[in-house]
Amino acid sequence: MDFTVQWSLGLLKDLLPSETHAFLSTHVANPSSPLRTVTAAITSMFSALLSGLYTLLAPLLDRLARALATGPDVVVLAVFVVVVVLLIQLVFFVQRIIAFWVRLALRLVLWAAVAVVVAIVWQRGLERSFNDGMYLASRVAGFFVGAAEFFAAELARYNELERMKSQSPPKMGPGAGAGPRRW
């Protein structure tokens, strides 16, 4: 571990300020530093814990390995199920992230619009803002009325074409829209 720490500090010597490099050398690279003492104690504790767990779990893991070796179809099925479950969890995680950011963006847009309306009312006064709002609402309503009239006229024209098509007798033979026969 000392080699890797010294090697890392050697690489970082040119990148870090001299005070930071000196601080890291005295507190991280020094074997008697509190950080190294605590990490050594934690490492030995986990090593003892894992060796105790290994003695308890070794027979179970051995039985599991023998059972898996005798039935490889079960292993393939189990791996497939695990992969599918992990993929589903990943998709749900991505969905939650996207939903969070979309919800946050929409809230920001909503509150920005509220702030703009409040600023407009504050700057222009309540009566002028109300008059401007009524003018804007009448323009929007006029647009929707015009769009509704346009679509109603187009629907009537389409219905008239369909009615004329259904009343005319069907054309038969060559020249009935299929073109000349080429065979």
N, C-alpha and C. Protein backbone atom coordinates (compact mmCIF):
# COMPACT_ATOMS: atom_id res chain seq x y z
N MET A 1 0.82 -1.19 0.00
CA MET A 1 0.00 0.00 0.00
C MET A 1 0.87 1.26 0.00
N ASP A 2 2.04 1.17 0.63
CA ASP A 2 2.90 2.34 0.69
C ASP A 2 3.38 2.73 -0.71
N PHE A 3 3.66 1.72 -1.54
CA PHE A 3 4.14 2.02 -2.89
C PHE A 3 3.07 2.75 -3.69
N THR A 4 1.84 2.28 -3.61
CA THR A 4 0.77 2.93 -4.40
C THR A 4 0.50 4.35 -3.91
N VAL A 5 0.56 4.56 -2.60
CA VAL A 5 0.33 5.91 -2.07
C VAL A 5 1.46 6.83 -2.50
N GLN A 6 2.71 6.36 -2.37
CA GLN A 6 3.85 7.19 -2.77
C GLN A 6 3.83 7.47 -4.27
N TRP A 7 3.48 6.46 -5.06
CA TRP A 7 3.41 6.63 -6.51
C TRP A 7 2.33 7.64 -6.89
N SER A 8 1.17 7.55 -6.24
CA SER A 8 0.08 8.49 -6.51
C SER A 8 0.46 9.91 -6.12
N LEU A 9 1.11 10.06 -4.97
CA LEU A 9 1.53 11.39 -4.55
C LEU A 9 2.60 11.94 -5.48
N GLY A 10 3.46 11.07 -6.01
CA GLY A 10 4.46 11.52 -6.98
C GLY A 10 3.82 12.04 -8.25
N LEU A 11 2.75 11.38 -8.69
CA LEU A 11 2.05 11.85 -9.89
C LEU A 11 1.31 13.16 -9.63
N LEU A 12 0.79 13.31 -8.43
CA LEU A 12 0.01 14.51 -8.11
C LEU A 12 0.87 15.69 -7.69
N LYS A 13 2.18 15.49 -7.56
CA LYS A 13 3.06 16.56 -7.08
C LYS A 13 3.00 17.79 -7.97
N ASP A 14 2.99 17.58 -9.28
CA ASP A 14 2.96 18.72 -10.20
C ASP A 14 1.57 19.32 -10.34
N LEU A 15 0.53 18.56 -10.02
CA LEU A 15 -0.83 19.06 -10.18
C LEU A 15 -1.35 19.81 -8.97
N LEU A 16 -0.90 19.40 -7.79
CA LEU A 16 -1.41 19.99 -6.55
C LEU A 16 -0.53 21.14 -6.08
N PRO A 17 -1.09 22.09 -5.34
CA PRO A 17 -0.25 23.12 -4.72
C PRO A 17 0.69 22.47 -3.70
N SER A 18 1.79 23.14 -3.43
CA SER A 18 2.81 22.54 -2.56
C SER A 18 2.27 22.30 -1.14
N GLU A 19 1.39 23.20 -0.64
CA GLU A 19 0.85 23.00 0.70
C GLU A 19 -0.03 21.75 0.76
N THR A 20 -0.84 21.55 -0.28
CA THR A 20 -1.71 20.38 -0.32
C THR A 20 -0.89 19.11 -0.43
N HIS A 21 0.16 19.14 -1.24
CA HIS A 21 1.01 17.96 -1.39
C HIS A 21 1.71 17.63 -0.08
N ALA A 22 2.19 18.65 0.63
CA ALA A 22 2.84 18.41 1.92
C ALA A 22 1.84 17.87 2.94
N PHE A 23 0.62 18.40 2.93
CA PHE A 23 -0.42 17.91 3.85
C PHE A 23 -0.73 16.44 3.58
N LEU A 24 -0.88 16.08 2.31
CA LEU A 24 -1.16 14.68 1.97
C LEU A 24 0.01 13.78 2.32
N SER A 25 1.23 14.26 2.12
CA SER A 25 2.40 13.44 2.45
C SER A 25 2.48 13.16 3.94
N THR A 26 2.14 14.14 4.76
CA THR A 26 2.25 13.92 6.21
C THR A 26 1.05 13.17 6.78
N HIS A 27 -0.13 13.31 6.18
CA HIS A 27 -1.32 12.71 6.77
C HIS A 27 -1.77 11.43 6.08
N VAL A 28 -1.39 11.23 4.83
CA VAL A 28 -1.82 10.02 4.13
C VAL A 28 -0.67 9.04 3.96
N ALA A 29 0.48 9.54 3.55
CA ALA A 29 1.60 8.64 3.25
C ALA A 29 2.35 8.19 4.50
N ASN A 30 2.27 8.91 5.57
CA ASN A 30 2.98 8.56 6.79
C ASN A 30 2.33 7.33 7.42
N PRO A 31 3.10 6.25 7.65
CA PRO A 31 2.50 5.03 8.22
C PRO A 31 1.95 5.21 9.64
N SER A 32 2.42 6.21 10.37
CA SER A 32 1.92 6.40 11.74
C SER A 32 0.82 7.47 11.81
N SER A 33 0.31 7.89 10.66
CA SER A 33 -0.74 8.90 10.67
C SER A 33 -2.05 8.30 11.17
N PRO A 34 -2.93 9.12 11.73
CA PRO A 34 -4.20 8.60 12.24
C PRO A 34 -5.04 7.94 11.14
N LEU A 35 -5.00 8.49 9.94
CA LEU A 35 -5.77 7.90 8.85
C LEU A 35 -5.31 6.48 8.56
N ARG A 36 -4.00 6.28 8.47
CA ARG A 36 -3.47 4.94 8.20
C ARG A 36 -3.76 3.99 9.36
N THR A 37 -3.72 4.49 10.60
CA THR A 37 -4.02 3.65 11.76
C THR A 37 -5.47 3.19 11.73
N VAL A 38 -6.38 4.11 11.44
CA VAL A 38 -7.81 3.78 11.40
C VAL A 38 -8.10 2.82 10.25
N THR A 39 -7.52 3.07 9.08
CA THR A 39 -7.77 2.16 7.94
C THR A 39 -7.19 0.77 8.21
N ALA A 40 -6.05 0.69 8.88
CA ALA A 40 -5.49 -0.62 9.21
C ALA A 40 -6.40 -1.36 10.19
N ALA A 41 -6.95 -0.64 11.17
CA ALA A 41 -7.84 -1.28 12.14
C ALA A 41 -9.12 -1.75 11.46
N ILE A 42 -9.68 -0.94 10.58
CA ILE A 42 -10.91 -1.33 9.88
C ILE A 42 -10.64 -2.51 8.96
N THR A 43 -9.51 -2.50 8.27
CA THR A 43 -9.17 -3.60 7.38
C THR A 43 -9.01 -4.90 8.14
N SER A 44 -8.33 -4.86 9.29
CA SER A 44 -8.16 -6.10 10.07
C SER A 44 -9.50 -6.58 10.63
N MET A 45 -10.38 -5.64 11.01
CA MET A 45 -11.69 -6.03 11.53
C MET A 45 -12.51 -6.72 10.43
N PHE A 46 -12.54 -6.14 9.23
CA PHE A 46 -13.28 -6.76 8.14
C PHE A 46 -12.66 -8.08 7.71
N SER A 47 -11.35 -8.18 7.78
CA SER A 47 -10.68 -9.44 7.44
C SER A 47 -11.10 -10.55 8.40
N ALA A 48 -11.14 -10.23 9.70
CA ALA A 48 -11.57 -11.22 10.69
C ALA A 48 -13.04 -11.58 10.48
N LEU A 49 -13.87 -10.60 10.18
CA LEU A 49 -15.29 -10.85 9.95
C LEU A 49 -15.50 -11.73 8.73
N LEU A 50 -14.79 -11.44 7.64
CA LEU A 50 -14.94 -12.24 6.43
C LEU A 50 -14.41 -13.66 6.61
N SER A 51 -13.33 -13.83 7.36
CA SER A 51 -12.84 -15.20 7.58
C SER A 51 -13.83 -16.00 8.42
N GLY A 52 -14.47 -15.35 9.39
CA GLY A 52 -15.51 -16.03 10.17
C GLY A 52 -16.72 -16.37 9.33
N LEU A 53 -17.14 -15.45 8.47
CA LEU A 53 -18.27 -15.72 7.58
C LEU A 53 -17.94 -16.81 6.57
N TYR A 54 -16.69 -16.85 6.12
CA TYR A 54 -16.31 -17.87 5.15
C TYR A 54 -16.42 -19.27 5.76
N THR A 55 -16.02 -19.40 7.02
CA THR A 55 -16.12 -20.72 7.64
C THR A 55 -17.59 -21.13 7.80
N LEU A 56 -18.48 -20.16 7.99
CA LEU A 56 -19.90 -20.49 8.10
C LEU A 56 -20.54 -20.76 6.74
N LEU A 57 -20.15 -20.00 5.74
CA LEU A 57 -20.81 -20.09 4.44
C LEU A 57 -20.15 -21.07 3.48
N ALA A 58 -18.94 -21.54 3.77
CA ALA A 58 -18.24 -22.43 2.85
C ALA A 58 -19.03 -23.71 2.55
N PRO A 59 -19.61 -24.40 3.55
CA PRO A 59 -20.38 -25.60 3.21
C PRO A 59 -21.62 -25.29 2.35
N LEU A 60 -22.29 -24.18 2.64
CA LEU A 60 -23.46 -23.81 1.84
C LEU A 60 -23.06 -23.47 0.40
N LEU A 61 -21.99 -22.74 0.25
CA LEU A 61 -21.53 -22.39 -1.10
C LEU A 61 -21.07 -23.63 -1.86
N ASP A 62 -20.48 -24.59 -1.15
CA ASP A 62 -20.05 -25.83 -1.80
C ASP A 62 -21.26 -26.62 -2.30
N ARG A 63 -22.29 -26.74 -1.47
CA ARG A 63 -23.52 -27.43 -1.89
C ARG A 63 -24.18 -26.72 -3.08
N LEU A 64 -24.22 -25.40 -3.02
CA LEU A 64 -24.80 -24.63 -4.12
C LEU A 64 -24.02 -24.84 -5.41
N ALA A 65 -22.70 -24.87 -5.32
CA ALA A 65 -21.88 -25.08 -6.52
C ALA A 65 -22.11 -26.48 -7.09
N ARG A 66 -22.22 -27.49 -6.22
CA ARG A 66 -22.49 -28.84 -6.72
C ARG A 66 -23.87 -28.94 -7.36
N ALA A 67 -24.87 -28.29 -6.77
CA ALA A 67 -26.22 -28.34 -7.34
C ALA A 67 -26.26 -27.62 -8.69
N LEU A 68 -25.54 -26.54 -8.80
CA LEU A 68 -25.52 -25.82 -10.07
C LEU A 68 -24.75 -26.58 -11.14
N ALA A 69 -23.74 -27.32 -10.73
CA ALA A 69 -22.96 -28.09 -11.71
C ALA A 69 -23.77 -29.26 -12.26
N THR A 70 -24.66 -29.82 -11.45
CA THR A 70 -25.45 -30.96 -11.93
C THR A 70 -26.62 -30.53 -12.79
N GLY A 71 -27.13 -29.33 -12.61
CA GLY A 71 -28.28 -28.86 -13.40
C GLY A 71 -27.96 -27.55 -14.09
N PRO A 72 -27.25 -27.57 -15.22
CA PRO A 72 -26.87 -26.31 -15.87
C PRO A 72 -28.06 -25.56 -16.46
N ASP A 73 -29.16 -26.27 -16.78
CA ASP A 73 -30.32 -25.57 -17.32
C ASP A 73 -30.91 -24.62 -16.29
N VAL A 74 -30.85 -25.02 -15.04
CA VAL A 74 -31.35 -24.17 -13.97
C VAL A 74 -30.49 -22.91 -13.86
N VAL A 75 -29.19 -23.08 -14.06
CA VAL A 75 -28.28 -21.94 -14.00
C VAL A 75 -28.59 -20.94 -15.10
N VAL A 76 -28.79 -21.44 -16.31
CA VAL A 76 -29.09 -20.56 -17.44
C VAL A 76 -30.40 -19.83 -17.19
N LEU A 77 -31.39 -20.55 -16.71
CA LEU A 77 -32.68 -19.93 -16.42
C LEU A 77 -32.55 -18.89 -15.31
N ALA A 78 -31.80 -19.21 -14.27
CA ALA A 78 -31.62 -18.27 -13.16
C ALA A 78 -30.87 -17.02 -13.63
N VAL A 79 -29.84 -17.20 -14.44
CA VAL A 79 -29.10 -16.04 -14.96
C VAL A 79 -30.00 -15.18 -15.84
N PHE A 80 -30.82 -15.82 -16.66
CA PHE A 80 -31.75 -15.08 -17.52
C PHE A 80 -32.74 -14.28 -16.68
N VAL A 81 -33.29 -14.90 -15.65
CA VAL A 81 -34.25 -14.20 -14.79
C VAL A 81 -33.58 -13.04 -14.07
N VAL A 82 -32.36 -13.25 -13.59
CA VAL A 82 -31.64 -12.17 -12.90
C VAL A 82 -31.37 -11.01 -13.86
N VAL A 83 -30.95 -11.33 -15.09
CA VAL A 83 -30.67 -10.27 -16.07
C VAL A 83 -31.95 -9.51 -16.41
N VAL A 84 -33.05 -10.21 -16.59
CA VAL A 84 -34.32 -9.54 -16.90
C VAL A 84 -34.75 -8.64 -15.74
N VAL A 85 -34.64 -9.13 -14.52
CA VAL A 85 -35.02 -8.33 -13.36
C VAL A 85 -34.14 -7.09 -13.25
N LEU A 86 -32.83 -7.26 -13.47
CA LEU A 86 -31.93 -6.10 -13.42
C LEU A 86 -32.25 -5.08 -14.51
N LEU A 87 -32.57 -5.55 -15.70
CA LEU A 87 -32.92 -4.63 -16.78
C LEU A 87 -34.21 -3.88 -16.48
N ILE A 88 -35.19 -4.57 -15.91
CA ILE A 88 -36.44 -3.91 -15.55
C ILE A 88 -36.18 -2.86 -14.47
N GLN A 89 -35.35 -3.20 -13.50
CA GLN A 89 -35.02 -2.23 -12.46
C GLN A 89 -34.30 -1.02 -13.05
N LEU A 90 -33.41 -1.26 -14.00
CA LEU A 90 -32.70 -0.16 -14.65
C LEU A 90 -33.66 0.74 -15.42
N VAL A 91 -34.61 0.16 -16.13
CA VAL A 91 -35.59 0.95 -16.88
C VAL A 91 -36.44 1.78 -15.92
N PHE A 92 -36.87 1.18 -14.82
CA PHE A 92 -37.67 1.93 -13.85
C PHE A 92 -36.86 3.06 -13.22
N PHE A 93 -35.57 2.81 -12.98
CA PHE A 93 -34.70 3.84 -12.43
C PHE A 93 -34.57 5.02 -13.39
N VAL A 94 -34.34 4.71 -14.66
CA VAL A 94 -34.23 5.77 -15.67
C VAL A 94 -35.55 6.53 -15.79
N GLN A 95 -36.67 5.81 -15.72
CA GLN A 95 -37.98 6.46 -15.79
C GLN A 95 -38.17 7.43 -14.62
N ARG A 96 -37.77 7.01 -13.43
CA ARG A 96 -37.91 7.89 -12.28
C ARG A 96 -37.04 9.13 -12.42
N ILE A 97 -35.83 8.95 -12.94
CA ILE A 97 -34.93 10.10 -13.13
C ILE A 97 -35.52 11.08 -14.14
N ILE A 98 -36.00 10.56 -15.26
CA ILE A 98 -36.58 11.43 -16.29
C ILE A 98 -37.83 12.13 -15.76
N ALA A 99 -38.67 11.40 -15.04
CA ALA A 99 -39.89 12.01 -14.48
C ALA A 99 -39.53 13.12 -13.49
N PHE A 100 -38.51 12.90 -12.69
CA PHE A 100 -38.09 13.93 -11.73
C PHE A 100 -37.67 15.20 -12.44
N TRP A 101 -36.81 15.06 -13.46
CA TRP A 101 -36.29 16.26 -14.14
C TRP A 101 -37.37 16.95 -14.95
N VAL A 102 -38.28 16.20 -15.55
CA VAL A 102 -39.38 16.84 -16.30
C VAL A 102 -40.29 17.58 -15.33
N ARG A 103 -40.61 16.96 -14.21
CA ARG A 103 -41.46 17.61 -13.22
C ARG A 103 -40.79 18.88 -12.69
N LEU A 104 -39.48 18.81 -12.45
CA LEU A 104 -38.75 19.98 -11.97
C LEU A 104 -38.76 21.09 -13.02
N ALA A 105 -38.54 20.74 -14.28
CA ALA A 105 -38.54 21.75 -15.35
C ALA A 105 -39.91 22.39 -15.50
N LEU A 106 -40.97 21.59 -15.44
CA LEU A 106 -42.31 22.16 -15.56
C LEU A 106 -42.66 23.06 -14.38
N ARG A 107 -42.22 22.69 -13.20
CA ARG A 107 -42.46 23.56 -12.04
C ARG A 107 -41.70 24.88 -12.20
N LEU A 108 -40.47 24.80 -12.70
CA LEU A 108 -39.71 26.03 -12.92
C LEU A 108 -40.39 26.93 -13.95
N VAL A 109 -40.90 26.33 -15.01
CA VAL A 109 -41.60 27.12 -16.04
C VAL A 109 -42.86 27.73 -15.44
N LEU A 110 -43.60 26.97 -14.67
CA LEU A 110 -44.82 27.49 -14.05
C LEU A 110 -44.51 28.68 -13.15
N TRP A 111 -43.53 28.53 -12.27
CA TRP A 111 -43.23 29.61 -11.34
C TRP A 111 -42.59 30.79 -12.05
N ALA A 112 -41.86 30.55 -13.13
CA ALA A 112 -41.34 31.67 -13.92
C ALA A 112 -42.47 32.44 -14.57
N ALA A 113 -43.49 31.73 -15.08
CA ALA A 113 -44.65 32.40 -15.67
C ALA A 113 -45.40 33.20 -14.62
N VAL A 114 -45.55 32.65 -13.43
CA VAL A 114 -46.22 33.38 -12.35
C VAL A 114 -45.42 34.64 -12.00
N ALA A 115 -44.10 34.52 -11.95
CA ALA A 115 -43.26 35.68 -11.64
C ALA A 115 -43.37 36.74 -12.73
N VAL A 116 -43.44 36.31 -13.99
CA VAL A 116 -43.58 37.27 -15.10
C VAL A 116 -44.91 38.00 -15.00
N VAL A 117 -46.00 37.27 -14.73
CA VAL A 117 -47.32 37.90 -14.61
C VAL A 117 -47.32 38.88 -13.44
N VAL A 118 -46.75 38.50 -12.31
CA VAL A 118 -46.70 39.40 -11.16
C VAL A 118 -45.87 40.64 -11.49
N ALA A 119 -44.75 40.47 -12.20
CA ALA A 119 -43.92 41.62 -12.57
C ALA A 119 -44.66 42.54 -13.53
N ILE A 120 -45.41 41.98 -14.46
CA ILE A 120 -46.17 42.80 -15.40
C ILE A 120 -47.25 43.59 -14.66
N VAL A 121 -47.97 42.91 -13.78
CA VAL A 121 -49.01 43.60 -13.01
C VAL A 121 -48.38 44.68 -12.13
N TRP A 122 -47.26 44.39 -11.54
CA TRP A 122 -46.59 45.35 -10.67
C TRP A 122 -46.14 46.58 -11.46
N GLN A 123 -45.62 46.36 -12.66
CA GLN A 123 -45.09 47.46 -13.45
C GLN A 123 -46.20 48.29 -14.10
N ARG A 124 -47.21 47.66 -14.66
CA ARG A 124 -48.23 48.37 -15.43
C ARG A 124 -49.45 48.77 -14.61
N GLY A 125 -49.64 48.18 -13.49
CA GLY A 125 -50.82 48.48 -12.69
C GLY A 125 -51.91 47.45 -12.96
N LEU A 126 -52.86 47.37 -12.04
CA LEU A 126 -53.88 46.33 -12.12
C LEU A 126 -54.87 46.57 -13.27
N GLU A 127 -55.30 47.83 -13.46
CA GLU A 127 -56.30 48.10 -14.49
C GLU A 127 -55.74 47.90 -15.89
N ARG A 128 -54.55 48.42 -16.17
CA ARG A 128 -53.95 48.25 -17.50
C ARG A 128 -53.63 46.78 -17.76
N SER A 129 -53.19 46.06 -16.73
CA SER A 129 -52.90 44.63 -16.91
C SER A 129 -54.17 43.85 -17.21
N PHE A 130 -55.27 44.22 -16.54
CA PHE A 130 -56.55 43.56 -16.81
C PHE A 130 -57.00 43.83 -18.25
N ASN A 131 -56.88 45.08 -18.70
CA ASN A 131 -57.25 45.42 -20.08
C ASN A 131 -56.37 44.67 -21.09
N ASP A 132 -55.07 44.59 -20.81
CA ASP A 132 -54.18 43.84 -21.70
C ASP A 132 -54.54 42.36 -21.72
N GLY A 133 -54.90 41.82 -20.57
CA GLY A 133 -55.30 40.42 -20.49
C GLY A 133 -56.57 40.15 -21.27
N MET A 134 -57.53 41.07 -21.18
CA MET A 134 -58.78 40.92 -21.95
C MET A 134 -58.52 41.00 -23.45
N TYR A 135 -57.63 41.92 -23.86
CA TYR A 135 -57.29 42.03 -25.28
C TYR A 135 -56.63 40.74 -25.77
N LEU A 136 -55.69 40.23 -24.99
CA LEU A 136 -55.00 38.99 -25.36
C LEU A 136 -55.97 37.81 -25.41
N ALA A 137 -56.88 37.74 -24.45
CA ALA A 137 -57.87 36.65 -24.43
C ALA A 137 -58.79 36.74 -25.63
N SER A 138 -59.18 37.97 -26.04
CA SER A 138 -60.05 38.09 -27.22
C SER A 138 -59.30 37.69 -28.49
N ARG A 139 -58.02 38.00 -28.58
CA ARG A 139 -57.23 37.59 -29.75
C ARG A 139 -57.11 36.06 -29.82
N VAL A 140 -56.86 35.43 -28.68
CA VAL A 140 -56.74 33.96 -28.65
C VAL A 140 -58.08 33.32 -28.99
N ALA A 141 -59.16 33.86 -28.44
CA ALA A 141 -60.49 33.32 -28.75
C ALA A 141 -60.80 33.50 -30.23
N GLY A 142 -60.43 34.65 -30.81
CA GLY A 142 -60.63 34.87 -32.24
C GLY A 142 -59.85 33.88 -33.08
N PHE A 143 -58.64 33.56 -32.66
CA PHE A 143 -57.85 32.57 -33.38
C PHE A 143 -58.55 31.21 -33.36
N PHE A 144 -59.04 30.81 -32.19
CA PHE A 144 -59.70 29.51 -32.10
C PHE A 144 -61.01 29.48 -32.88
N VAL A 145 -61.74 30.59 -32.91
CA VAL A 145 -62.97 30.65 -33.70
C VAL A 145 -62.63 30.53 -35.18
N GLY A 146 -61.60 31.23 -35.64
CA GLY A 146 -61.18 31.13 -37.04
C GLY A 146 -60.72 29.73 -37.39
N ALA A 147 -59.97 29.09 -36.49
CA ALA A 147 -59.52 27.72 -36.75
C ALA A 147 -60.71 26.77 -36.80
N ALA A 148 -61.69 26.96 -35.92
CA ALA A 148 -62.87 26.09 -35.93
C ALA A 148 -63.66 26.27 -37.22
N GLU A 149 -63.80 27.52 -37.69
CA GLU A 149 -64.51 27.75 -38.95
C GLU A 149 -63.77 27.12 -40.12
N PHE A 150 -62.46 27.24 -40.13
CA PHE A 150 -61.66 26.64 -41.21
C PHE A 150 -61.84 25.13 -41.23
N PHE A 151 -61.73 24.48 -40.08
CA PHE A 151 -61.86 23.03 -40.04
C PHE A 151 -63.28 22.58 -40.35
N ALA A 152 -64.28 23.36 -39.96
CA ALA A 152 -65.67 23.02 -40.30
C ALA A 152 -65.87 23.11 -41.81
N ALA A 153 -65.30 24.13 -42.45
CA ALA A 153 -65.42 24.26 -43.91
C ALA A 153 -64.71 23.10 -44.61
N GLU A 154 -63.54 22.72 -44.13
CA GLU A 154 -62.81 21.61 -44.73
C GLU A 154 -63.57 20.30 -44.54
N LEU A 155 -64.19 20.11 -43.39
CA LEU A 155 -64.98 18.90 -43.15
C LEU A 155 -66.19 18.86 -44.07
N ALA A 156 -66.84 19.99 -44.27
CA ALA A 156 -68.00 20.03 -45.18
C ALA A 156 -67.56 19.73 -46.61
N ARG A 157 -66.42 20.26 -47.03
CA ARG A 157 -65.91 19.99 -48.37
C ARG A 157 -65.58 18.51 -48.54
N TYR A 158 -64.96 17.91 -47.53
CA TYR A 158 -64.63 16.48 -47.60
C TYR A 158 -65.90 15.64 -47.65
N ASN A 159 -66.89 15.98 -46.83
CA ASN A 159 -68.16 15.23 -46.84
C ASN A 159 -68.86 15.36 -48.19
N GLU A 160 -68.80 16.53 -48.82
CA GLU A 160 -69.40 16.72 -50.14
C GLU A 160 -68.69 15.87 -51.19
N LEU A 161 -67.37 15.81 -51.13
CA LEU A 161 -66.63 14.96 -52.06
C LEU A 161 -66.99 13.49 -51.87
N GLU A 162 -67.10 13.05 -50.64
CA GLU A 162 -67.47 11.66 -50.37
C GLU A 162 -68.89 11.37 -50.85
N ARG A 163 -69.80 12.32 -50.67
CA ARG A 163 -71.18 12.14 -51.14
C ARG A 163 -71.21 12.04 -52.66
N MET A 164 -70.45 12.88 -53.34
CA MET A 164 -70.43 12.83 -54.81
C MET A 164 -69.81 11.53 -55.29
N LYS A 165 -68.79 11.04 -54.60
CA LYS A 165 -68.15 9.79 -54.97
C LYS A 165 -69.11 8.62 -54.81
N SER A 166 -69.89 8.62 -53.75
CA SER A 166 -70.80 7.50 -53.51
C SER A 166 -72.00 7.53 -54.47
N GLN A 167 -72.37 8.69 -55.02
CA GLN A 167 -73.50 8.78 -55.94
C GLN A 167 -73.12 8.47 -57.38
N SER A 168 -71.88 8.65 -57.76
CA SER A 168 -71.50 8.39 -59.16
C SER A 168 -71.38 6.89 -59.37
N PRO A 169 -71.76 6.41 -60.57
CA PRO A 169 -71.68 4.97 -60.83
C PRO A 169 -70.21 4.55 -60.92
N PRO A 170 -69.92 3.33 -60.49
CA PRO A 170 -68.53 2.87 -60.54
C PRO A 170 -68.08 2.70 -61.98
N LYS A 171 -66.86 3.07 -62.26
CA LYS A 171 -66.29 2.92 -63.59
C LYS A 171 -65.71 1.53 -63.71
N MET A 172 -65.88 0.94 -64.90
CA MET A 172 -65.37 -0.41 -65.13
C MET A 172 -64.61 -0.44 -66.44
N GLY A 173 -63.76 -1.43 -66.57
CA GLY A 173 -63.03 -1.63 -67.81
C GLY A 173 -61.75 -0.82 -67.86
N PRO A 174 -61.06 -0.92 -69.02
CA PRO A 174 -59.82 -0.16 -69.14
C PRO A 174 -60.12 1.33 -69.16
N GLY A 175 -59.24 2.08 -68.60
CA GLY A 175 -59.44 3.52 -68.52
C GLY A 175 -60.25 3.93 -67.33
N ALA A 176 -60.53 3.03 -66.43
CA ALA A 176 -61.32 3.36 -65.25
C ALA A 176 -60.41 3.76 -64.09
N GLY A 177 -59.31 4.33 -64.44
CA GLY A 177 -58.40 4.76 -63.40
C GLY A 177 -57.24 3.82 -63.19
N ALA A 178 -57.30 2.64 -63.82
CA ALA A 178 -56.22 1.68 -63.65
C ALA A 178 -55.18 1.82 -64.74
N GLY A 179 -55.50 2.54 -65.81
CA GLY A 179 -54.55 2.69 -66.91
C GLY A 179 -54.69 1.57 -67.90
N PRO A 180 -53.98 1.66 -69.03
CA PRO A 180 -54.09 0.60 -70.05
C PRO A 180 -53.50 -0.71 -69.56
N ARG A 181 -54.03 -1.79 -70.08
CA ARG A 181 -53.49 -3.10 -69.70
C ARG A 181 -52.18 -3.32 -70.44
N ARG A 182 -51.25 -3.88 -69.75
CA ARG A 182 -49.93 -4.09 -70.36
C ARG A 182 -49.61 -5.56 -70.49
N TRP A 183 -50.57 -6.43 -70.35
CA TRP A 183 -50.26 -7.86 -70.46
C TRP A 183 -51.04 -8.51 -71.49
